[in-house]
Each structure stands twice: as structure tokens, then as C-alpha cells.
Amino acid sequence: MTEIGARPAMKRGRLVNRPFGAEGTVLRERHSAADFTTLNPGVLD
């Protein structure tokens, strides 16, 4: 992974509005930073 790809913002961006993936690993819609608390632990690591 590149340095840019390792940044937290890039990791979050890959999860938002993805149409596929297991429940708890994608965000169908995001309206606030608190929405990331619904993800499974470790998804953003």
C-alpha cells in the first residue's frame, strides 16, 4: 500500500457508499463521523 493509501481518510473513503461487502464492513450512506462506529472493529486498521 502506498503512503497515501495508508492514510485514515483513504481507508474511510474506500468504505463509504460501496455497493458490496459484508454487513459491518461498508457504509451504505454516511452523514457524520459517528457513522463509522457502526463498523466492525478492525475494519479501519
N, C-alpha and C. Protein backbone atom coordinates (compact mmCIF):
# COMPACT_ATOMS: atom_id res chain seq x y z
N MET A 1 0.85 -1.18 0.00
CA MET A 1 0.00 0.00 0.00
C MET A 1 0.89 1.24 0.00
N THR A 2 0.50 2.22 -0.75
CA THR A 2 1.28 3.45 -0.81
C THR A 2 1.09 4.27 0.46
N GLU A 3 1.90 5.27 0.63
CA GLU A 3 1.77 6.14 1.80
C GLU A 3 0.40 6.81 1.82
N ILE A 4 -0.05 7.25 0.67
CA ILE A 4 -1.36 7.91 0.62
C ILE A 4 -2.46 6.91 0.94
N GLY A 5 -2.37 5.71 0.43
CA GLY A 5 -3.37 4.69 0.69
C GLY A 5 -3.45 4.25 2.13
N ALA A 6 -2.40 4.50 2.88
CA ALA A 6 -2.37 4.12 4.29
C ALA A 6 -2.98 5.18 5.20
N ARG A 7 -3.31 6.33 4.64
CA ARG A 7 -3.86 7.42 5.45
C ARG A 7 -5.29 7.07 5.90
N PRO A 8 -5.67 7.47 7.12
CA PRO A 8 -7.01 7.17 7.62
C PRO A 8 -8.13 7.66 6.71
N ALA A 9 -7.97 8.82 6.11
CA ALA A 9 -9.02 9.33 5.24
C ALA A 9 -9.22 8.44 4.02
N MET A 10 -8.15 7.89 3.49
CA MET A 10 -8.27 6.99 2.34
C MET A 10 -8.96 5.69 2.74
N LYS A 11 -8.64 5.18 3.92
CA LYS A 11 -9.27 3.94 4.39
C LYS A 11 -10.76 4.15 4.57
N ARG A 12 -11.15 5.29 5.16
CA ARG A 12 -12.58 5.58 5.34
C ARG A 12 -13.26 5.76 3.99
N GLY A 13 -12.60 6.44 3.08
CA GLY A 13 -13.19 6.71 1.77
C GLY A 13 -13.49 5.45 0.99
N ARG A 14 -12.68 4.42 1.15
CA ARG A 14 -12.92 3.16 0.44
C ARG A 14 -14.17 2.44 0.96
N LEU A 15 -14.60 2.74 2.16
CA LEU A 15 -15.73 2.05 2.77
C LEU A 15 -17.07 2.72 2.49
N VAL A 16 -17.04 3.99 2.16
CA VAL A 16 -18.28 4.77 2.04
C VAL A 16 -18.94 4.51 0.68
N ASN A 17 -20.21 4.22 0.72
CA ASN A 17 -21.05 4.04 -0.47
C ASN A 17 -20.61 2.89 -1.38
N ARG A 18 -19.92 1.92 -0.82
CA ARG A 18 -19.60 0.72 -1.61
C ARG A 18 -20.86 -0.12 -1.74
N PRO A 19 -21.19 -0.57 -2.93
CA PRO A 19 -22.43 -1.33 -3.11
C PRO A 19 -22.30 -2.80 -2.73
N PHE A 20 -21.13 -3.25 -2.29
CA PHE A 20 -20.93 -4.65 -1.98
C PHE A 20 -20.10 -4.78 -0.71
N GLY A 21 -20.13 -5.96 -0.12
CA GLY A 21 -19.34 -6.22 1.07
C GLY A 21 -20.21 -6.75 2.20
N ALA A 22 -19.57 -7.37 3.16
CA ALA A 22 -20.29 -7.94 4.30
C ALA A 22 -20.82 -6.83 5.21
N GLU A 23 -21.93 -7.13 5.85
CA GLU A 23 -22.53 -6.19 6.79
C GLU A 23 -21.50 -5.83 7.86
N GLY A 24 -21.37 -4.56 8.15
CA GLY A 24 -20.40 -4.12 9.15
C GLY A 24 -19.04 -3.77 8.57
N THR A 25 -18.89 -3.95 7.25
CA THR A 25 -17.63 -3.59 6.61
C THR A 25 -17.80 -2.51 5.55
N VAL A 26 -19.02 -2.08 5.32
CA VAL A 26 -19.28 -1.00 4.37
C VAL A 26 -20.29 -0.03 4.97
N LEU A 27 -20.28 1.20 4.51
CA LEU A 27 -21.27 2.19 4.90
C LEU A 27 -22.09 2.52 3.66
N ARG A 28 -23.35 2.19 3.67
CA ARG A 28 -24.20 2.47 2.53
C ARG A 28 -24.36 3.98 2.36
N GLU A 29 -24.52 4.69 3.47
CA GLU A 29 -24.63 6.14 3.47
C GLU A 29 -23.85 6.66 4.67
N ARG A 30 -23.27 7.83 4.52
CA ARG A 30 -22.53 8.44 5.62
C ARG A 30 -22.98 9.88 5.77
N HIS A 31 -23.37 10.24 7.00
CA HIS A 31 -23.83 11.60 7.25
C HIS A 31 -23.01 12.30 8.32
N SER A 32 -22.28 11.54 9.13
CA SER A 32 -21.41 12.14 10.14
C SER A 32 -20.29 11.17 10.48
N ALA A 33 -19.28 11.67 11.18
CA ALA A 33 -18.16 10.83 11.58
C ALA A 33 -18.61 9.70 12.50
N ALA A 34 -19.69 9.91 13.22
CA ALA A 34 -20.20 8.89 14.14
C ALA A 34 -20.69 7.65 13.41
N ASP A 35 -20.99 7.76 12.13
CA ASP A 35 -21.46 6.61 11.35
C ASP A 35 -20.41 5.50 11.29
N PHE A 36 -19.14 5.84 11.44
CA PHE A 36 -18.08 4.83 11.39
C PHE A 36 -18.10 3.92 12.63
N THR A 37 -18.82 4.31 13.68
CA THR A 37 -18.89 3.47 14.88
C THR A 37 -19.73 2.23 14.63
N THR A 38 -20.50 2.19 13.54
CA THR A 38 -21.33 1.02 13.24
C THR A 38 -20.53 -0.08 12.57
N LEU A 39 -19.29 0.20 12.18
CA LEU A 39 -18.45 -0.80 11.52
C LEU A 39 -17.87 -1.78 12.51
N ASN A 40 -17.51 -2.95 12.01
CA ASN A 40 -16.84 -3.94 12.85
C ASN A 40 -15.48 -3.41 13.27
N PRO A 41 -15.06 -3.74 14.51
CA PRO A 41 -13.73 -3.31 14.95
C PRO A 41 -12.65 -3.87 14.02
N GLY A 42 -11.66 -3.10 13.74
CA GLY A 42 -10.56 -3.53 12.90
C GLY A 42 -10.71 -3.24 11.43
N VAL A 43 -11.89 -2.80 10.99
CA VAL A 43 -12.11 -2.54 9.57
C VAL A 43 -11.22 -1.39 9.09
N LEU A 44 -11.00 -0.41 9.95
CA LEU A 44 -10.19 0.75 9.57
C LEU A 44 -8.71 0.58 9.88
N ASP A 45 -8.33 -0.57 10.37
CA ASP A 45 -6.89 -0.80 10.69
C ASP A 45 -6.09 -1.10 9.47
